[in-house]
Amino acid sequence: MKKLSSLLALAMLLLTLGCSEKAAAPAFKNTDLTGLGYAQDFALTDHNGKARTLADFKGKLVVMFFGYTQCPDVCPTTMVEMANVMKELGPDADRVQVLFVTVDPERDTQALLAQYVPAFDPRFLGLYGDAQATAKVAKEFKLFYAKVEGKTPGSYTMDHTAGSYVFDRDGKIRLFVRHGMGPAPITHDLKLLLK
């Protein structure tokens, strides 16, 4: 009888452990945004002139970064970082879409984005809209951006949120990646989402 009780207790313990492992959330290295009530979609144009929404990328992970082509530091380093992530992912990189969304529609034309964005990786897409479309997307993503006048007339920079949003293959927001984390934690999290 004691033996049967011990076996039943052991079986219950194993069953409980098995259930809790399945219910555990993935151990992301970046900020988990699963279930977030904003950053649901966008309506912009890519650097090839094609209208785009999040639904266009269903079946792929989407990494979305907001920046501008004349950015001196954060934007190019983020794009290099994402190019390195794609290399680390190997063949799985084909299941990831990186989107660079300009916050400077005044200067970032379709032609300029078509030159700038694919220079980091030919699979990357640049997205743009007019001032109104840019403001709408920024509001949806709770993104900060502001024009900062330069020292000479007509010159300016853009202050903006420095981070990327990651969507799963169903188009659901999952992660926020802070700038400067390096490729390893991003690669780790994308691999988890690709499983």
N, C-alpha and C. Protein backbone atom coordinates (compact mmCIF):
# COMPACT_ATOMS: atom_id res chain seq x y z
N MET A 1 0.82 -1.19 0.00
CA MET A 1 0.00 0.00 0.00
C MET A 1 0.87 1.26 0.00
N LYS A 2 1.93 1.27 0.85
CA LYS A 2 2.84 2.41 0.88
C LYS A 2 3.52 2.61 -0.46
N LYS A 3 3.88 1.47 -1.10
CA LYS A 3 4.55 1.52 -2.38
C LYS A 3 3.63 2.14 -3.43
N LEU A 4 2.36 1.75 -3.41
CA LEU A 4 1.36 2.27 -4.36
C LEU A 4 1.16 3.76 -4.13
N SER A 5 1.09 4.18 -2.87
CA SER A 5 0.94 5.60 -2.55
C SER A 5 2.14 6.40 -3.04
N SER A 6 3.34 5.86 -2.85
CA SER A 6 4.56 6.53 -3.28
C SER A 6 4.59 6.66 -4.80
N LEU A 7 4.20 5.61 -5.52
CA LEU A 7 4.17 5.64 -6.98
C LEU A 7 3.15 6.65 -7.49
N LEU A 8 1.99 6.70 -6.84
CA LEU A 8 0.96 7.67 -7.23
C LEU A 8 1.44 9.11 -6.99
N ALA A 9 2.09 9.32 -5.87
CA ALA A 9 2.61 10.65 -5.56
C ALA A 9 3.68 11.06 -6.58
N LEU A 10 4.55 10.11 -6.93
CA LEU A 10 5.59 10.39 -7.92
C LEU A 10 4.97 10.69 -9.28
N ALA A 11 3.97 9.91 -9.66
CA ALA A 11 3.29 10.13 -10.94
C ALA A 11 2.63 11.50 -10.98
N MET A 12 1.99 11.92 -9.90
CA MET A 12 1.34 13.23 -9.82
C MET A 12 2.37 14.36 -9.92
N LEU A 13 3.51 14.17 -9.26
CA LEU A 13 4.57 15.17 -9.30
C LEU A 13 5.10 15.33 -10.73
N LEU A 14 5.36 14.21 -11.40
CA LEU A 14 5.85 14.26 -12.78
C LEU A 14 4.83 14.90 -13.71
N LEU A 15 3.57 14.57 -13.50
CA LEU A 15 2.51 15.15 -14.32
C LEU A 15 2.43 16.66 -14.11
N THR A 16 2.53 17.09 -12.86
CA THR A 16 2.49 18.51 -12.53
C THR A 16 3.69 19.24 -13.15
N LEU A 17 4.88 18.65 -13.04
CA LEU A 17 6.07 19.26 -13.63
C LEU A 17 5.94 19.35 -15.15
N GLY A 18 5.44 18.31 -15.76
CA GLY A 18 5.25 18.32 -17.22
C GLY A 18 4.28 19.40 -17.65
N CYS A 19 3.21 19.59 -16.92
CA CYS A 19 2.22 20.62 -17.27
C CYS A 19 2.79 22.02 -17.11
N SER A 20 3.54 22.22 -16.02
CA SER A 20 4.04 23.56 -15.79
C SER A 20 5.11 23.95 -16.81
N GLU A 21 5.88 22.96 -17.31
CA GLU A 21 6.87 23.28 -18.34
C GLU A 21 6.20 23.72 -19.62
N LYS A 22 5.11 23.08 -19.98
CA LYS A 22 4.41 23.44 -21.21
C LYS A 22 3.78 24.81 -21.11
N ALA A 23 3.35 25.20 -19.94
CA ALA A 23 2.67 26.47 -19.75
C ALA A 23 3.65 27.64 -19.57
N ALA A 24 4.94 27.32 -19.35
CA ALA A 24 5.91 28.37 -19.10
C ALA A 24 6.11 29.23 -20.35
N ALA A 25 6.24 30.52 -20.12
CA ALA A 25 6.48 31.46 -21.23
C ALA A 25 7.93 31.32 -21.69
N PRO A 26 8.21 31.62 -22.97
CA PRO A 26 9.60 31.56 -23.43
C PRO A 26 10.48 32.52 -22.63
N ALA A 27 11.74 32.15 -22.48
CA ALA A 27 12.69 32.98 -21.73
C ALA A 27 13.37 33.95 -22.68
N PHE A 28 12.67 35.04 -23.01
CA PHE A 28 13.21 36.04 -23.92
C PHE A 28 14.29 36.86 -23.24
N LYS A 29 15.25 37.30 -24.02
CA LYS A 29 16.32 38.19 -23.54
C LYS A 29 15.89 39.66 -23.67
N ASN A 30 14.94 39.93 -24.58
CA ASN A 30 14.43 41.28 -24.80
C ASN A 30 13.09 41.45 -24.09
N THR A 31 12.52 42.64 -24.15
CA THR A 31 11.29 42.95 -23.43
C THR A 31 10.09 42.28 -24.09
N ASP A 32 9.39 41.45 -23.32
CA ASP A 32 8.23 40.71 -23.82
C ASP A 32 7.01 41.64 -23.86
N LEU A 33 6.46 41.82 -25.04
CA LEU A 33 5.28 42.68 -25.23
C LEU A 33 4.03 41.87 -25.59
N THR A 34 4.09 40.57 -25.42
CA THR A 34 2.98 39.70 -25.81
C THR A 34 1.68 40.20 -25.19
N GLY A 35 0.65 40.36 -26.04
CA GLY A 35 -0.65 40.80 -25.57
C GLY A 35 -0.80 42.31 -25.49
N LEU A 36 0.21 43.05 -25.93
CA LEU A 36 0.16 44.51 -25.90
C LEU A 36 -1.02 45.01 -26.71
N GLY A 37 -1.68 46.05 -26.25
CA GLY A 37 -2.88 46.56 -26.90
C GLY A 37 -2.63 47.59 -27.99
N TYR A 38 -1.39 47.84 -28.34
CA TYR A 38 -1.10 48.77 -29.44
C TYR A 38 -0.04 48.15 -30.34
N ALA A 39 0.47 48.90 -31.32
CA ALA A 39 1.42 48.38 -32.30
C ALA A 39 0.80 47.21 -33.05
N GLN A 40 -0.43 47.43 -33.53
CA GLN A 40 -1.17 46.36 -34.19
C GLN A 40 -0.94 46.28 -35.70
N ASP A 41 -0.75 47.41 -36.37
CA ASP A 41 -0.63 47.39 -37.82
C ASP A 41 -0.08 48.72 -38.33
N PHE A 42 0.16 48.78 -39.61
CA PHE A 42 0.61 50.00 -40.27
C PHE A 42 0.16 49.96 -41.72
N ALA A 43 0.15 51.13 -42.36
CA ALA A 43 -0.14 51.24 -43.79
C ALA A 43 0.87 52.22 -44.37
N LEU A 44 1.91 51.67 -45.01
CA LEU A 44 3.00 52.47 -45.56
C LEU A 44 3.36 51.93 -46.94
N THR A 45 4.34 52.54 -47.59
CA THR A 45 4.79 52.12 -48.91
C THR A 45 6.24 51.67 -48.79
N ASP A 46 6.60 50.56 -49.45
CA ASP A 46 7.99 50.11 -49.38
C ASP A 46 8.85 50.81 -50.43
N HIS A 47 10.15 50.60 -50.35
CA HIS A 47 11.07 51.32 -51.23
C HIS A 47 10.98 50.88 -52.69
N ASN A 48 10.15 49.86 -52.97
CA ASN A 48 9.88 49.46 -54.35
C ASN A 48 8.59 50.06 -54.87
N GLY A 49 7.90 50.86 -54.01
CA GLY A 49 6.66 51.51 -54.41
C GLY A 49 5.41 50.70 -54.13
N LYS A 50 5.53 49.60 -53.39
CA LYS A 50 4.40 48.73 -53.09
C LYS A 50 3.78 49.10 -51.74
N ALA A 51 2.44 49.23 -51.71
CA ALA A 51 1.73 49.50 -50.44
C ALA A 51 1.88 48.28 -49.54
N ARG A 52 2.15 48.52 -48.27
CA ARG A 52 2.41 47.42 -47.32
C ARG A 52 1.62 47.59 -46.02
N THR A 53 1.19 46.45 -45.49
CA THR A 53 0.64 46.36 -44.13
C THR A 53 1.31 45.15 -43.48
N LEU A 54 1.07 44.96 -42.22
CA LEU A 54 1.67 43.84 -41.50
C LEU A 54 1.24 42.50 -42.10
N ALA A 55 0.01 42.42 -42.60
CA ALA A 55 -0.52 41.17 -43.17
C ALA A 55 0.32 40.66 -44.35
N ASP A 56 1.03 41.56 -45.03
CA ASP A 56 1.87 41.15 -46.16
C ASP A 56 2.99 40.21 -45.74
N PHE A 57 3.31 40.19 -44.48
CA PHE A 57 4.45 39.42 -44.01
C PHE A 57 4.04 38.22 -43.15
N LYS A 58 2.75 37.86 -43.20
CA LYS A 58 2.25 36.73 -42.41
C LYS A 58 3.06 35.48 -42.76
N GLY A 59 3.42 34.73 -41.73
CA GLY A 59 4.25 33.55 -41.92
C GLY A 59 5.73 33.81 -41.64
N LYS A 60 6.10 35.10 -41.53
CA LYS A 60 7.47 35.48 -41.21
C LYS A 60 7.48 36.25 -39.90
N LEU A 61 8.60 36.20 -39.20
CA LEU A 61 8.81 37.13 -38.09
C LEU A 61 9.11 38.48 -38.72
N VAL A 62 8.65 39.54 -38.09
CA VAL A 62 8.91 40.89 -38.58
C VAL A 62 9.64 41.67 -37.50
N VAL A 63 10.78 42.26 -37.87
CA VAL A 63 11.52 43.15 -36.98
C VAL A 63 11.40 44.55 -37.58
N MET A 64 10.80 45.46 -36.84
CA MET A 64 10.47 46.79 -37.35
C MET A 64 11.23 47.85 -36.56
N PHE A 65 12.04 48.63 -37.28
CA PHE A 65 12.84 49.67 -36.66
C PHE A 65 12.47 51.02 -37.27
N PHE A 66 12.34 52.04 -36.43
CA PHE A 66 12.03 53.40 -36.89
C PHE A 66 13.31 54.23 -36.83
N GLY A 67 13.63 54.88 -37.95
CA GLY A 67 14.84 55.69 -37.99
C GLY A 67 14.81 56.62 -39.19
N TYR A 68 15.98 57.06 -39.63
CA TYR A 68 16.07 57.91 -40.82
C TYR A 68 17.46 57.77 -41.42
N THR A 69 17.55 57.99 -42.72
CA THR A 69 18.78 57.68 -43.45
C THR A 69 19.96 58.57 -43.09
N GLN A 70 19.71 59.79 -42.63
CA GLN A 70 20.81 60.70 -42.29
C GLN A 70 21.22 60.62 -40.82
N CYS A 71 20.67 59.65 -40.12
CA CYS A 71 21.01 59.41 -38.72
C CYS A 71 22.49 59.06 -38.61
N PRO A 72 23.22 59.74 -37.71
CA PRO A 72 24.66 59.52 -37.64
C PRO A 72 25.11 58.30 -36.83
N ASP A 73 24.22 57.73 -36.00
CA ASP A 73 24.71 56.69 -35.10
C ASP A 73 23.75 55.53 -34.88
N VAL A 74 22.63 55.77 -34.21
CA VAL A 74 21.71 54.70 -33.81
C VAL A 74 21.19 53.89 -35.00
N CYS A 75 20.79 54.57 -36.05
CA CYS A 75 20.16 53.87 -37.19
C CYS A 75 21.15 52.96 -37.93
N PRO A 76 22.29 53.47 -38.34
CA PRO A 76 23.20 52.55 -39.04
C PRO A 76 23.71 51.42 -38.16
N THR A 77 23.94 51.69 -36.87
CA THR A 77 24.42 50.60 -36.01
C THR A 77 23.33 49.55 -35.81
N THR A 78 22.07 49.98 -35.72
CA THR A 78 20.96 49.02 -35.61
C THR A 78 20.85 48.18 -36.87
N MET A 79 20.99 48.81 -38.03
CA MET A 79 20.90 48.07 -39.28
C MET A 79 22.06 47.07 -39.44
N VAL A 80 23.25 47.46 -39.03
CA VAL A 80 24.39 46.53 -39.06
C VAL A 80 24.13 45.38 -38.09
N GLU A 81 23.62 45.70 -36.91
CA GLU A 81 23.29 44.68 -35.92
C GLU A 81 22.29 43.68 -36.49
N MET A 82 21.26 44.18 -37.17
CA MET A 82 20.25 43.28 -37.75
C MET A 82 20.84 42.46 -38.91
N ALA A 83 21.74 43.03 -39.68
CA ALA A 83 22.42 42.27 -40.74
C ALA A 83 23.22 41.12 -40.12
N ASN A 84 23.86 41.38 -38.99
CA ASN A 84 24.61 40.32 -38.28
C ASN A 84 23.68 39.26 -37.72
N VAL A 85 22.51 39.67 -37.23
CA VAL A 85 21.52 38.71 -36.75
C VAL A 85 21.11 37.78 -37.90
N MET A 86 20.87 38.35 -39.07
CA MET A 86 20.48 37.55 -40.23
C MET A 86 21.57 36.53 -40.57
N LYS A 87 22.83 36.93 -40.48
CA LYS A 87 23.93 36.00 -40.74
C LYS A 87 23.93 34.88 -39.71
N GLU A 88 23.73 35.24 -38.44
CA GLU A 88 23.71 34.23 -37.37
C GLU A 88 22.55 33.25 -37.51
N LEU A 89 21.44 33.72 -38.06
CA LEU A 89 20.27 32.85 -38.23
C LEU A 89 20.47 31.83 -39.36
N GLY A 90 21.40 32.10 -40.26
CA GLY A 90 21.64 31.18 -41.37
C GLY A 90 20.40 31.04 -42.25
N PRO A 91 20.01 29.82 -42.62
CA PRO A 91 18.86 29.61 -43.49
C PRO A 91 17.54 30.12 -42.87
N ASP A 92 17.46 30.18 -41.53
CA ASP A 92 16.25 30.68 -40.87
C ASP A 92 16.01 32.16 -41.14
N ALA A 93 17.03 32.88 -41.59
CA ALA A 93 16.89 34.31 -41.88
C ALA A 93 15.84 34.55 -42.96
N ASP A 94 15.62 33.58 -43.82
CA ASP A 94 14.60 33.74 -44.87
C ASP A 94 13.19 33.76 -44.31
N ARG A 95 13.04 33.42 -43.02
CA ARG A 95 11.73 33.47 -42.37
C ARG A 95 11.58 34.71 -41.50
N VAL A 96 12.48 35.69 -41.71
CA VAL A 96 12.47 36.95 -40.95
C VAL A 96 12.47 38.11 -41.94
N GLN A 97 11.60 39.10 -41.68
CA GLN A 97 11.58 40.32 -42.51
C GLN A 97 11.95 41.52 -41.65
N VAL A 98 13.01 42.21 -42.03
CA VAL A 98 13.41 43.43 -41.33
C VAL A 98 12.84 44.62 -42.10
N LEU A 99 12.16 45.50 -41.36
CA LEU A 99 11.56 46.71 -41.93
C LEU A 99 12.18 47.94 -41.27
N PHE A 100 12.63 48.87 -42.10
CA PHE A 100 13.17 50.15 -41.63
C PHE A 100 12.12 51.20 -41.99
N VAL A 101 11.51 51.81 -40.98
CA VAL A 101 10.45 52.81 -41.20
C VAL A 101 11.04 54.20 -40.95
N THR A 102 10.99 55.06 -41.96
CA THR A 102 11.55 56.39 -41.77
C THR A 102 10.64 57.29 -40.94
N VAL A 103 11.26 58.08 -40.09
CA VAL A 103 10.56 59.12 -39.33
C VAL A 103 10.88 60.49 -39.93
N ASP A 104 11.51 60.47 -41.10
CA ASP A 104 11.91 61.70 -41.79
C ASP A 104 11.41 61.67 -43.24
N PRO A 105 10.08 61.68 -43.43
CA PRO A 105 9.55 61.59 -44.79
C PRO A 105 9.90 62.79 -45.68
N GLU A 106 10.28 63.88 -45.04
CA GLU A 106 10.66 65.08 -45.79
C GLU A 106 11.90 64.84 -46.66
N ARG A 107 12.86 64.09 -46.13
CA ARG A 107 14.11 63.84 -46.86
C ARG A 107 14.22 62.40 -47.39
N ASP A 108 13.61 61.44 -46.69
CA ASP A 108 13.77 60.03 -47.06
C ASP A 108 12.78 59.64 -48.15
N THR A 109 13.19 59.86 -49.37
CA THR A 109 12.37 59.53 -50.52
C THR A 109 12.44 58.03 -50.80
N GLN A 110 11.56 57.59 -51.68
CA GLN A 110 11.57 56.18 -52.09
C GLN A 110 12.94 55.81 -52.66
N ALA A 111 13.49 56.66 -53.53
CA ALA A 111 14.79 56.38 -54.16
C ALA A 111 15.91 56.29 -53.13
N LEU A 112 15.90 57.19 -52.14
CA LEU A 112 16.94 57.17 -51.11
C LEU A 112 16.83 55.92 -50.25
N LEU A 113 15.61 55.56 -49.86
CA LEU A 113 15.41 54.34 -49.06
C LEU A 113 15.82 53.10 -49.86
N ALA A 114 15.53 53.09 -51.17
CA ALA A 114 15.88 51.95 -52.02
C ALA A 114 17.39 51.77 -52.12
N GLN A 115 18.12 52.84 -51.92
CA GLN A 115 19.58 52.79 -51.94
C GLN A 115 20.14 52.41 -50.56
N TYR A 116 19.60 53.04 -49.54
CA TYR A 116 20.13 52.92 -48.18
C TYR A 116 19.83 51.56 -47.52
N VAL A 117 18.55 51.19 -47.48
CA VAL A 117 18.14 50.03 -46.68
C VAL A 117 18.73 48.71 -47.19
N PRO A 118 18.62 48.36 -48.48
CA PRO A 118 19.17 47.08 -48.95
C PRO A 118 20.70 47.02 -48.91
N ALA A 119 21.37 48.15 -48.71
CA ALA A 119 22.82 48.13 -48.59
C ALA A 119 23.26 47.31 -47.36
N PHE A 120 22.41 47.24 -46.35
CA PHE A 120 22.73 46.46 -45.15
C PHE A 120 22.45 44.97 -45.36
N ASP A 121 21.35 44.67 -46.07
CA ASP A 121 20.98 43.30 -46.43
C ASP A 121 19.93 43.43 -47.53
N PRO A 122 20.10 42.75 -48.64
CA PRO A 122 19.17 42.91 -49.76
C PRO A 122 17.73 42.50 -49.44
N ARG A 123 17.53 41.74 -48.35
CA ARG A 123 16.18 41.33 -47.96
C ARG A 123 15.45 42.40 -47.15
N PHE A 124 16.16 43.39 -46.64
CA PHE A 124 15.55 44.43 -45.82
C PHE A 124 14.69 45.34 -46.70
N LEU A 125 13.60 45.84 -46.12
CA LEU A 125 12.73 46.77 -46.83
C LEU A 125 12.65 48.10 -46.07
N GLY A 126 12.71 49.20 -46.82
CA GLY A 126 12.49 50.52 -46.26
C GLY A 126 11.03 50.90 -46.46
N LEU A 127 10.40 51.45 -45.45
CA LEU A 127 9.00 51.88 -45.53
C LEU A 127 8.90 53.37 -45.27
N TYR A 128 7.97 54.01 -45.98
CA TYR A 128 7.76 55.44 -45.79
C TYR A 128 6.30 55.78 -46.03
N GLY A 129 5.94 56.97 -45.59
CA GLY A 129 4.62 57.55 -45.84
C GLY A 129 4.79 59.05 -45.81
N ASP A 130 3.71 59.75 -46.09
CA ASP A 130 3.79 61.21 -45.97
C ASP A 130 3.79 61.57 -44.48
N ALA A 131 3.81 62.86 -44.17
CA ALA A 131 3.87 63.30 -42.77
C ALA A 131 2.70 62.77 -41.96
N GLN A 132 1.51 62.74 -42.57
CA GLN A 132 0.31 62.27 -41.86
C GLN A 132 0.39 60.76 -41.59
N ALA A 133 0.80 59.98 -42.59
CA ALA A 133 0.92 58.52 -42.40
C ALA A 133 1.99 58.19 -41.37
N THR A 134 3.09 58.96 -41.38
CA THR A 134 4.17 58.75 -40.41
C THR A 134 3.67 59.03 -38.99
N ALA A 135 2.94 60.12 -38.83
CA ALA A 135 2.38 60.47 -37.51
C ALA A 135 1.40 59.39 -37.03
N LYS A 136 0.61 58.86 -37.94
CA LYS A 136 -0.38 57.83 -37.59
C LYS A 136 0.32 56.56 -37.10
N VAL A 137 1.35 56.13 -37.81
CA VAL A 137 2.09 54.93 -37.41
C VAL A 137 2.80 55.18 -36.07
N ALA A 138 3.40 56.35 -35.91
CA ALA A 138 4.08 56.67 -34.66
C ALA A 138 3.11 56.64 -33.48
N LYS A 139 1.91 57.14 -33.70
CA LYS A 139 0.89 57.12 -32.64
C LYS A 139 0.50 55.68 -32.32
N GLU A 140 0.29 54.85 -33.34
CA GLU A 140 -0.08 53.45 -33.14
C GLU A 140 0.99 52.69 -32.36
N PHE A 141 2.25 53.03 -32.60
CA PHE A 141 3.36 52.34 -31.94
C PHE A 141 3.86 53.06 -30.69
N LYS A 142 3.19 54.16 -30.33
CA LYS A 142 3.60 54.98 -29.17
C LYS A 142 5.09 55.34 -29.28
N LEU A 143 5.44 55.78 -30.46
CA LEU A 143 6.81 56.08 -30.81
C LEU A 143 7.05 57.58 -30.71
N PHE A 144 8.17 57.96 -30.12
CA PHE A 144 8.56 59.37 -30.05
C PHE A 144 9.45 59.69 -31.24
N TYR A 145 9.18 60.80 -31.91
CA TYR A 145 10.11 61.35 -32.89
C TYR A 145 9.88 62.86 -32.96
N ALA A 146 10.96 63.60 -33.19
CA ALA A 146 10.86 65.07 -33.25
C ALA A 146 12.03 65.62 -34.05
N LYS A 147 11.74 66.65 -34.80
CA LYS A 147 12.75 67.33 -35.60
C LYS A 147 13.56 68.25 -34.67
N VAL A 148 14.88 68.23 -34.81
CA VAL A 148 15.75 69.09 -34.02
C VAL A 148 16.56 69.95 -35.00
N GLU A 149 16.30 71.26 -34.95
CA GLU A 149 16.96 72.17 -35.88
C GLU A 149 18.48 72.14 -35.70
N GLY A 150 19.20 72.20 -36.82
CA GLY A 150 20.66 72.18 -36.81
C GLY A 150 21.25 73.58 -36.67
N LYS A 151 22.56 73.66 -36.82
CA LYS A 151 23.27 74.93 -36.65
C LYS A 151 23.21 75.80 -37.89
N THR A 152 22.94 75.18 -39.04
CA THR A 152 22.84 75.96 -40.28
C THR A 152 21.40 75.94 -40.78
N PRO A 153 20.98 76.97 -41.50
CA PRO A 153 19.60 77.03 -41.98
C PRO A 153 19.24 75.79 -42.82
N GLY A 154 18.11 75.22 -42.50
CA GLY A 154 17.62 74.06 -43.25
C GLY A 154 18.19 72.73 -42.80
N SER A 155 19.20 72.75 -41.93
CA SER A 155 19.75 71.48 -41.45
C SER A 155 19.00 71.04 -40.19
N TYR A 156 18.86 69.74 -40.03
CA TYR A 156 18.21 69.21 -38.83
C TYR A 156 18.53 67.73 -38.65
N THR A 157 18.30 67.26 -37.44
CA THR A 157 18.37 65.84 -37.13
C THR A 157 17.00 65.43 -36.60
N MET A 158 16.83 64.15 -36.38
CA MET A 158 15.57 63.63 -35.84
C MET A 158 15.86 62.86 -34.55
N ASP A 159 15.26 63.31 -33.45
CA ASP A 159 15.29 62.50 -32.23
C ASP A 159 14.19 61.46 -32.39
N HIS A 160 14.45 60.23 -31.95
CA HIS A 160 13.41 59.18 -32.08
C HIS A 160 13.69 58.04 -31.12
N THR A 161 12.65 57.27 -30.86
CA THR A 161 12.78 56.08 -30.03
C THR A 161 13.79 55.15 -30.68
N ALA A 162 14.73 54.66 -29.89
CA ALA A 162 15.78 53.78 -30.42
C ALA A 162 15.52 52.35 -29.97
N GLY A 163 14.77 51.64 -30.77
CA GLY A 163 14.47 50.25 -30.47
C GLY A 163 13.67 49.65 -31.60
N SER A 164 13.53 48.34 -31.59
CA SER A 164 12.82 47.63 -32.65
C SER A 164 11.68 46.82 -32.05
N TYR A 165 10.63 46.68 -32.84
CA TYR A 165 9.49 45.85 -32.47
C TYR A 165 9.59 44.53 -33.23
N VAL A 166 9.25 43.44 -32.55
CA VAL A 166 9.26 42.12 -33.19
C VAL A 166 7.86 41.55 -33.15
N PHE A 167 7.39 41.10 -34.33
CA PHE A 167 6.09 40.46 -34.47
C PHE A 167 6.30 38.99 -34.79
N ASP A 168 5.42 38.12 -34.26
CA ASP A 168 5.54 36.70 -34.57
C ASP A 168 4.97 36.40 -35.96
N ARG A 169 4.97 35.15 -36.35
CA ARG A 169 4.55 34.77 -37.70
C ARG A 169 3.06 34.97 -37.94
N ASP A 170 2.31 35.19 -36.87
CA ASP A 170 0.87 35.48 -37.01
C ASP A 170 0.59 36.98 -36.99
N GLY A 171 1.65 37.80 -36.96
CA GLY A 171 1.48 39.24 -36.95
C GLY A 171 1.15 39.83 -35.60
N LYS A 172 1.42 39.10 -34.53
CA LYS A 172 1.16 39.58 -33.17
C LYS A 172 2.45 40.17 -32.59
N ILE A 173 2.32 41.32 -31.93
CA ILE A 173 3.47 41.96 -31.30
C ILE A 173 4.00 41.06 -30.19
N ARG A 174 5.33 40.86 -30.14
CA ARG A 174 5.91 39.98 -29.13
C ARG A 174 7.02 40.61 -28.32
N LEU A 175 7.90 41.42 -28.98
CA LEU A 175 9.08 41.91 -28.28
C LEU A 175 9.40 43.35 -28.61
N PHE A 176 10.08 44.01 -27.67
CA PHE A 176 10.73 45.28 -27.93
C PHE A 176 12.22 45.06 -27.70
N VAL A 177 13.03 45.39 -28.70
CA VAL A 177 14.48 45.21 -28.62
C VAL A 177 15.11 46.59 -28.43
N ARG A 178 15.76 46.79 -27.30
CA ARG A 178 16.43 48.06 -27.04
C ARG A 178 17.68 48.17 -27.90
N HIS A 179 18.03 49.38 -28.26
CA HIS A 179 19.23 49.63 -29.07
C HIS A 179 20.49 49.23 -28.32
N GLY A 180 21.44 48.68 -29.05
CA GLY A 180 22.75 48.41 -28.49
C GLY A 180 22.89 47.12 -27.72
N MET A 181 21.93 46.20 -27.88
CA MET A 181 21.99 44.93 -27.15
C MET A 181 22.98 43.96 -27.80
N GLY A 182 23.34 44.19 -29.04
CA GLY A 182 24.18 43.25 -29.77
C GLY A 182 23.33 42.17 -30.42
N PRO A 183 23.88 41.45 -31.39
CA PRO A 183 23.09 40.49 -32.13
C PRO A 183 22.68 39.23 -31.34
N ALA A 184 23.49 38.80 -30.37
CA ALA A 184 23.23 37.52 -29.69
C ALA A 184 21.85 37.42 -29.04
N PRO A 185 21.40 38.40 -28.21
CA PRO A 185 20.08 38.27 -27.59
C PRO A 185 18.94 38.34 -28.61
N ILE A 186 19.15 39.09 -29.68
CA ILE A 186 18.11 39.17 -30.71
C ILE A 186 18.00 37.83 -31.43
N THR A 187 19.14 37.27 -31.81
CA THR A 187 19.16 35.96 -32.48
C THR A 187 18.51 34.92 -31.58
N HIS A 188 18.84 34.92 -30.31
CA HIS A 188 18.26 33.98 -29.34
C HIS A 188 16.74 34.05 -29.36
N ASP A 189 16.21 35.27 -29.26
CA ASP A 189 14.75 35.44 -29.18
C ASP A 189 14.06 35.11 -30.50
N LEU A 190 14.67 35.46 -31.62
CA LEU A 190 14.07 35.13 -32.91
C LEU A 190 14.03 33.62 -33.11
N LYS A 191 15.06 32.93 -32.67
CA LYS A 191 15.05 31.46 -32.77
C LYS A 191 13.92 30.86 -31.93
N LEU A 192 13.68 31.42 -30.75
CA LEU A 192 12.57 30.95 -29.91
C LEU A 192 11.24 31.14 -30.63
N LEU A 193 11.06 32.30 -31.26
CA LEU A 193 9.81 32.59 -31.97
C LEU A 193 9.66 31.79 -33.25
N LEU A 194 10.76 31.33 -33.82
CA LEU A 194 10.69 30.53 -35.05
C LEU A 194 10.37 29.06 -34.79
N LYS A 195 10.48 28.64 -33.54
CA LYS A 195 10.21 27.22 -33.21
C LYS A 195 8.76 26.87 -33.45
